[in-house]
Amino acid sequence: MSTTVEGWLIPQWDLADRMAKSLRTAGIGVQQMADYLDMHRNTVGGWLSGRTPPDVRTLRLWALHTGVSYDWLCHGEHAPQLPRPAGVSKRRRAGRAAGPPHQPDGLCIVAGRRPAVLTAA
């Protein structure tokens, strides 16, 4: 995806670009990240080249380890901001929904799956 300004093509950063940038900024190598995630180096290389997308769990760990925001990692500079529904204050009343659920832009959800919710048995 790219945009054109005054005849010049300006490429947009995708998830793989932001993942690579976060590694460089944190001074972490591909092998170090692979060890941290308990993955093979080639798997991490596939994510960085954009061949395959990582899952949500991996992206959360990636953001934590590199020190970047999860929202930035998934969405770039313009992280989606959900408007607050009318009549809902910052303090939520018990049992009342906080507004519409977050609608991801598709970059951080792999194959339409949502992250699993663990419940106590």
N, C-alpha and C. Protein backbone atom coordinates (compact mmCIF):
# COMPACT_ATOMS: atom_id res chain seq x y z
N MET A 1 0.84 -1.16 0.00
CA MET A 1 0.00 0.00 0.00
C MET A 1 0.90 1.23 0.00
N SER A 2 0.53 2.23 -0.79
CA SER A 2 1.31 3.46 -0.84
C SER A 2 0.39 4.62 -1.23
N THR A 3 0.90 5.81 -1.05
CA THR A 3 0.17 7.00 -1.44
C THR A 3 1.04 7.80 -2.40
N THR A 4 0.43 8.71 -3.12
CA THR A 4 1.16 9.55 -4.05
C THR A 4 0.98 11.01 -3.65
N VAL A 5 2.09 11.74 -3.52
CA VAL A 5 2.06 13.16 -3.19
C VAL A 5 2.90 13.88 -4.23
N GLU A 6 2.27 14.81 -4.96
CA GLU A 6 2.94 15.59 -5.99
C GLU A 6 3.74 14.72 -6.95
N GLY A 7 3.18 13.58 -7.32
CA GLY A 7 3.84 12.69 -8.27
C GLY A 7 4.83 11.72 -7.67
N TRP A 8 5.15 11.86 -6.38
CA TRP A 8 6.09 10.96 -5.72
C TRP A 8 5.34 9.86 -5.00
N LEU A 9 5.84 8.65 -5.12
CA LEU A 9 5.25 7.50 -4.45
C LEU A 9 5.80 7.41 -3.03
N ILE A 10 4.91 7.38 -2.04
CA ILE A 10 5.33 7.29 -0.64
C ILE A 10 4.82 5.97 -0.07
N PRO A 11 5.72 5.01 0.17
CA PRO A 11 5.27 3.71 0.69
C PRO A 11 4.82 3.82 2.15
N GLN A 12 3.86 2.99 2.50
CA GLN A 12 3.36 2.93 3.87
C GLN A 12 4.07 1.78 4.59
N TRP A 13 4.27 1.92 5.88
CA TRP A 13 4.86 0.84 6.67
C TRP A 13 3.82 -0.22 6.92
N ASP A 14 4.24 -1.47 6.78
CA ASP A 14 3.35 -2.57 7.12
C ASP A 14 3.84 -3.21 8.42
N LEU A 15 3.18 -4.26 8.84
CA LEU A 15 3.52 -4.92 10.10
C LEU A 15 4.96 -5.40 10.12
N ALA A 16 5.41 -6.01 9.03
CA ALA A 16 6.79 -6.52 8.96
C ALA A 16 7.80 -5.38 9.12
N ASP A 17 7.53 -4.23 8.51
CA ASP A 17 8.42 -3.06 8.64
C ASP A 17 8.51 -2.60 10.10
N ARG A 18 7.36 -2.52 10.77
CA ARG A 18 7.35 -2.06 12.16
C ARG A 18 8.03 -3.07 13.07
N MET A 19 7.88 -4.37 12.78
CA MET A 19 8.56 -5.39 13.59
C MET A 19 10.08 -5.25 13.44
N ALA A 20 10.56 -5.07 12.21
CA ALA A 20 11.99 -4.91 11.97
C ALA A 20 12.52 -3.64 12.63
N LYS A 21 11.75 -2.55 12.52
CA LYS A 21 12.17 -1.28 13.12
C LYS A 21 12.26 -1.40 14.64
N SER A 22 11.30 -2.10 15.25
CA SER A 22 11.33 -2.26 16.70
C SER A 22 12.55 -3.07 17.14
N LEU A 23 12.94 -4.08 16.35
CA LEU A 23 14.16 -4.84 16.68
C LEU A 23 15.39 -3.95 16.61
N ARG A 24 15.51 -3.18 15.53
CA ARG A 24 16.68 -2.30 15.38
C ARG A 24 16.74 -1.28 16.51
N THR A 25 15.60 -0.69 16.83
CA THR A 25 15.56 0.34 17.87
C THR A 25 15.94 -0.23 19.23
N ALA A 26 15.51 -1.46 19.52
CA ALA A 26 15.81 -2.09 20.80
C ALA A 26 17.20 -2.72 20.82
N GLY A 27 17.85 -2.81 19.67
CA GLY A 27 19.17 -3.43 19.62
C GLY A 27 19.13 -4.93 19.82
N ILE A 28 18.06 -5.55 19.37
CA ILE A 28 17.88 -6.99 19.53
C ILE A 28 18.04 -7.64 18.16
N GLY A 29 18.77 -8.74 18.11
CA GLY A 29 18.97 -9.47 16.87
C GLY A 29 17.86 -10.48 16.63
N VAL A 30 17.81 -10.98 15.41
CA VAL A 30 16.79 -11.96 15.05
C VAL A 30 16.92 -13.23 15.90
N GLN A 31 18.14 -13.70 16.09
CA GLN A 31 18.34 -14.91 16.89
C GLN A 31 17.94 -14.69 18.35
N GLN A 32 18.25 -13.51 18.88
CA GLN A 32 17.86 -13.21 20.25
C GLN A 32 16.34 -13.21 20.40
N MET A 33 15.63 -12.63 19.44
CA MET A 33 14.18 -12.61 19.49
C MET A 33 13.62 -14.02 19.33
N ALA A 34 14.22 -14.81 18.45
CA ALA A 34 13.78 -16.19 18.26
C ALA A 34 13.95 -16.98 19.55
N ASP A 35 15.05 -16.78 20.24
CA ASP A 35 15.28 -17.47 21.52
C ASP A 35 14.26 -17.02 22.56
N TYR A 36 13.99 -15.72 22.62
CA TYR A 36 13.03 -15.19 23.58
C TYR A 36 11.64 -15.77 23.36
N LEU A 37 11.25 -15.90 22.09
CA LEU A 37 9.92 -16.41 21.75
C LEU A 37 9.88 -17.94 21.70
N ASP A 38 11.04 -18.58 21.83
CA ASP A 38 11.15 -20.03 21.73
C ASP A 38 10.67 -20.49 20.35
N MET A 39 11.15 -19.79 19.33
CA MET A 39 10.81 -20.09 17.93
C MET A 39 12.11 -20.31 17.17
N HIS A 40 11.99 -20.84 15.97
CA HIS A 40 13.15 -20.99 15.10
C HIS A 40 13.44 -19.65 14.43
N ARG A 41 14.71 -19.42 14.17
CA ARG A 41 15.13 -18.18 13.53
C ARG A 41 14.43 -17.96 12.19
N ASN A 42 14.21 -19.03 11.43
CA ASN A 42 13.55 -18.90 10.13
C ASN A 42 12.09 -18.44 10.26
N THR A 43 11.44 -18.81 11.36
CA THR A 43 10.07 -18.37 11.60
C THR A 43 10.04 -16.86 11.79
N VAL A 44 10.95 -16.35 12.60
CA VAL A 44 11.04 -14.91 12.83
C VAL A 44 11.39 -14.20 11.52
N GLY A 45 12.29 -14.79 10.74
CA GLY A 45 12.65 -14.23 9.44
C GLY A 45 11.46 -14.15 8.50
N GLY A 46 10.58 -15.14 8.56
CA GLY A 46 9.37 -15.12 7.75
C GLY A 46 8.45 -13.98 8.12
N TRP A 47 8.36 -13.69 9.41
CA TRP A 47 7.54 -12.55 9.86
C TRP A 47 8.13 -11.24 9.39
N LEU A 48 9.47 -11.12 9.52
CA LEU A 48 10.14 -9.88 9.17
C LEU A 48 10.12 -9.61 7.67
N SER A 49 10.04 -10.66 6.87
CA SER A 49 9.98 -10.46 5.42
C SER A 49 8.54 -10.28 4.94
N GLY A 50 7.57 -10.52 5.81
CA GLY A 50 6.18 -10.36 5.45
C GLY A 50 5.56 -11.59 4.80
N ARG A 51 6.31 -12.70 4.77
CA ARG A 51 5.77 -13.92 4.16
C ARG A 51 4.61 -14.50 4.95
N THR A 52 4.74 -14.49 6.28
CA THR A 52 3.69 -15.02 7.14
C THR A 52 3.48 -14.06 8.31
N PRO A 53 2.24 -13.87 8.76
CA PRO A 53 2.00 -12.99 9.90
C PRO A 53 2.10 -13.76 11.22
N PRO A 54 2.60 -13.13 12.26
CA PRO A 54 2.62 -13.77 13.58
C PRO A 54 1.24 -13.72 14.22
N ASP A 55 1.05 -14.54 15.25
CA ASP A 55 -0.24 -14.51 15.96
C ASP A 55 -0.24 -13.38 17.00
N VAL A 56 -1.38 -13.16 17.60
CA VAL A 56 -1.56 -12.06 18.55
C VAL A 56 -0.65 -12.22 19.76
N ARG A 57 -0.54 -13.43 20.28
CA ARG A 57 0.32 -13.68 21.45
C ARG A 57 1.76 -13.27 21.14
N THR A 58 2.23 -13.65 19.97
CA THR A 58 3.59 -13.31 19.56
C THR A 58 3.77 -11.80 19.46
N LEU A 59 2.79 -11.11 18.89
CA LEU A 59 2.89 -9.66 18.76
C LEU A 59 2.93 -8.98 20.13
N ARG A 60 2.16 -9.48 21.06
CA ARG A 60 2.18 -8.90 22.42
C ARG A 60 3.54 -9.10 23.07
N LEU A 61 4.10 -10.31 22.94
CA LEU A 61 5.43 -10.58 23.49
C LEU A 61 6.50 -9.75 22.78
N TRP A 62 6.35 -9.60 21.48
CA TRP A 62 7.30 -8.81 20.69
C TRP A 62 7.32 -7.37 21.19
N ALA A 63 6.14 -6.79 21.36
CA ALA A 63 6.05 -5.41 21.84
C ALA A 63 6.65 -5.28 23.23
N LEU A 64 6.37 -6.23 24.09
CA LEU A 64 6.91 -6.21 25.45
C LEU A 64 8.43 -6.26 25.43
N HIS A 65 8.99 -7.16 24.63
CA HIS A 65 10.45 -7.36 24.62
C HIS A 65 11.19 -6.20 23.96
N THR A 66 10.59 -5.59 22.95
CA THR A 66 11.27 -4.49 22.26
C THR A 66 10.96 -3.13 22.87
N GLY A 67 9.94 -3.07 23.74
CA GLY A 67 9.62 -1.81 24.41
C GLY A 67 8.77 -0.86 23.58
N VAL A 68 8.13 -1.36 22.53
CA VAL A 68 7.25 -0.51 21.73
C VAL A 68 5.80 -0.78 22.12
N SER A 69 4.93 0.12 21.76
CA SER A 69 3.51 -0.04 22.04
C SER A 69 2.92 -1.13 21.15
N TYR A 70 2.07 -1.95 21.73
CA TYR A 70 1.37 -2.99 20.96
C TYR A 70 0.52 -2.35 19.87
N ASP A 71 -0.15 -1.25 20.17
CA ASP A 71 -0.97 -0.56 19.17
C ASP A 71 -0.13 -0.05 18.02
N TRP A 72 1.04 0.52 18.32
CA TRP A 72 1.92 0.98 17.25
C TRP A 72 2.39 -0.19 16.40
N LEU A 73 2.76 -1.28 17.06
CA LEU A 73 3.25 -2.44 16.33
C LEU A 73 2.19 -2.96 15.37
N CYS A 74 0.94 -3.01 15.81
CA CYS A 74 -0.14 -3.54 14.97
C CYS A 74 -0.65 -2.54 13.94
N HIS A 75 -0.75 -1.27 14.31
CA HIS A 75 -1.46 -0.30 13.48
C HIS A 75 -0.61 0.86 12.98
N GLY A 76 0.58 1.01 13.46
CA GLY A 76 1.41 2.13 13.03
C GLY A 76 1.15 3.38 13.83
N GLU A 77 1.51 4.51 13.27
CA GLU A 77 1.38 5.78 13.98
C GLU A 77 -0.06 6.13 14.31
N HIS A 78 -0.94 5.73 13.45
CA HIS A 78 -2.34 6.09 13.62
C HIS A 78 -3.12 4.93 14.21
N ALA A 79 -2.86 4.63 15.48
CA ALA A 79 -3.59 3.56 16.15
C ALA A 79 -5.06 3.95 16.21
N PRO A 80 -5.94 3.00 15.96
CA PRO A 80 -7.37 3.35 15.96
C PRO A 80 -7.84 3.82 17.34
N GLN A 81 -8.53 4.93 17.34
CA GLN A 81 -9.09 5.47 18.57
C GLN A 81 -10.61 5.32 18.50
N LEU A 82 -11.17 4.60 19.44
CA LEU A 82 -12.61 4.43 19.45
C LEU A 82 -13.26 5.61 20.16
N PRO A 83 -14.27 6.21 19.55
CA PRO A 83 -14.96 7.31 20.22
C PRO A 83 -15.75 6.79 21.42
N ARG A 84 -15.82 7.60 22.44
CA ARG A 84 -16.59 7.22 23.62
C ARG A 84 -18.06 7.42 23.31
N PRO A 85 -18.89 6.40 23.54
CA PRO A 85 -20.32 6.55 23.28
C PRO A 85 -20.92 7.68 24.14
N ALA A 86 -21.90 8.35 23.59
CA ALA A 86 -22.54 9.45 24.31
C ALA A 86 -23.14 8.96 25.62
N GLY A 87 -22.94 9.71 26.66
CA GLY A 87 -23.51 9.37 27.96
C GLY A 87 -22.68 8.41 28.78
N VAL A 88 -21.52 8.00 28.30
CA VAL A 88 -20.67 7.09 29.06
C VAL A 88 -19.49 7.89 29.60
N SER A 89 -19.38 7.93 30.90
CA SER A 89 -18.28 8.68 31.51
C SER A 89 -17.05 7.80 31.61
N LYS A 90 -15.94 8.40 32.09
CA LYS A 90 -14.71 7.62 32.25
C LYS A 90 -14.90 6.51 33.26
N ARG A 91 -15.63 6.78 34.31
CA ARG A 91 -15.89 5.75 35.31
C ARG A 91 -17.08 4.93 34.83
N ARG A 92 -16.85 3.65 34.72
CA ARG A 92 -17.90 2.77 34.22
C ARG A 92 -18.75 2.27 35.38
N ARG A 93 -20.01 2.22 35.13
CA ARG A 93 -20.88 1.63 36.14
C ARG A 93 -20.78 0.12 36.04
N ALA A 94 -20.89 -0.55 37.17
CA ALA A 94 -20.79 -2.01 37.20
C ALA A 94 -21.85 -2.62 36.30
N GLY A 95 -21.42 -3.56 35.46
CA GLY A 95 -22.35 -4.28 34.61
C GLY A 95 -22.68 -3.56 33.31
N ARG A 96 -22.19 -2.36 33.11
CA ARG A 96 -22.50 -1.63 31.89
C ARG A 96 -21.33 -1.75 30.92
N ALA A 97 -21.62 -2.01 29.70
CA ALA A 97 -20.57 -2.15 28.69
C ALA A 97 -19.86 -0.81 28.50
N ALA A 98 -18.60 -0.87 28.18
CA ALA A 98 -17.79 0.33 28.03
C ALA A 98 -17.88 0.91 26.63
N GLY A 99 -18.72 0.37 25.78
CA GLY A 99 -18.82 0.86 24.41
C GLY A 99 -18.63 -0.28 23.44
N PRO A 100 -18.49 0.06 22.18
CA PRO A 100 -18.35 -0.98 21.17
C PRO A 100 -17.03 -1.73 21.34
N PRO A 101 -17.00 -3.01 20.99
CA PRO A 101 -15.75 -3.76 21.10
C PRO A 101 -14.75 -3.24 20.09
N HIS A 102 -13.49 -3.46 20.36
CA HIS A 102 -12.42 -3.03 19.46
C HIS A 102 -12.54 -3.80 18.15
N GLN A 103 -12.53 -3.08 17.05
CA GLN A 103 -12.59 -3.70 15.74
C GLN A 103 -11.19 -3.63 15.12
N PRO A 104 -10.44 -4.72 15.11
CA PRO A 104 -9.09 -4.68 14.56
C PRO A 104 -9.11 -4.45 13.06
N ASP A 105 -8.00 -3.93 12.55
CA ASP A 105 -7.93 -3.65 11.12
C ASP A 105 -7.45 -4.85 10.32
N GLY A 106 -7.30 -6.00 10.96
CA GLY A 106 -6.93 -7.21 10.26
C GLY A 106 -5.45 -7.52 10.32
N LEU A 107 -4.61 -6.57 10.75
CA LEU A 107 -3.18 -6.82 10.79
C LEU A 107 -2.78 -7.73 11.95
N CYS A 108 -3.52 -7.67 13.03
CA CYS A 108 -3.11 -8.41 14.22
C CYS A 108 -3.97 -9.64 14.49
N ILE A 109 -4.96 -9.87 13.70
CA ILE A 109 -5.77 -11.06 13.84
C ILE A 109 -5.41 -11.98 12.69
N VAL A 110 -4.98 -13.17 12.99
CA VAL A 110 -4.54 -14.12 11.97
C VAL A 110 -5.72 -14.99 11.57
N ALA A 111 -6.02 -15.02 10.30
CA ALA A 111 -7.07 -15.88 9.72
C ALA A 111 -8.41 -15.68 10.41
N GLY A 112 -8.70 -14.47 10.87
CA GLY A 112 -10.00 -14.18 11.46
C GLY A 112 -10.22 -14.75 12.84
N ARG A 113 -9.19 -15.35 13.43
CA ARG A 113 -9.34 -15.91 14.76
C ARG A 113 -9.13 -14.83 15.81
N ARG A 114 -9.83 -14.97 16.90
CA ARG A 114 -9.64 -14.06 18.03
C ARG A 114 -8.79 -14.78 19.08
N PRO A 115 -8.09 -14.04 19.91
CA PRO A 115 -7.30 -14.67 20.96
C PRO A 115 -8.22 -15.44 21.91
N ALA A 116 -7.74 -16.57 22.38
CA ALA A 116 -8.54 -17.39 23.30
C ALA A 116 -8.68 -16.69 24.65
N VAL A 117 -9.81 -16.86 25.26
CA VAL A 117 -10.06 -16.31 26.59
C VAL A 117 -10.01 -17.48 27.57
N LEU A 118 -9.12 -17.39 28.52
CA LEU A 118 -8.97 -18.46 29.50
C LEU A 118 -9.90 -18.20 30.68
N THR A 119 -10.57 -19.23 31.11
CA THR A 119 -11.46 -19.10 32.28
C THR A 119 -11.04 -20.12 33.31
N ALA A 120 -11.32 -19.81 34.56
CA ALA A 120 -10.99 -20.73 35.65
C ALA A 120 -11.95 -21.91 35.61
N ALA A 121 -11.43 -23.07 35.88
CA ALA A 121 -12.26 -24.30 35.84
C ALA A 121 -13.03 -24.48 37.12
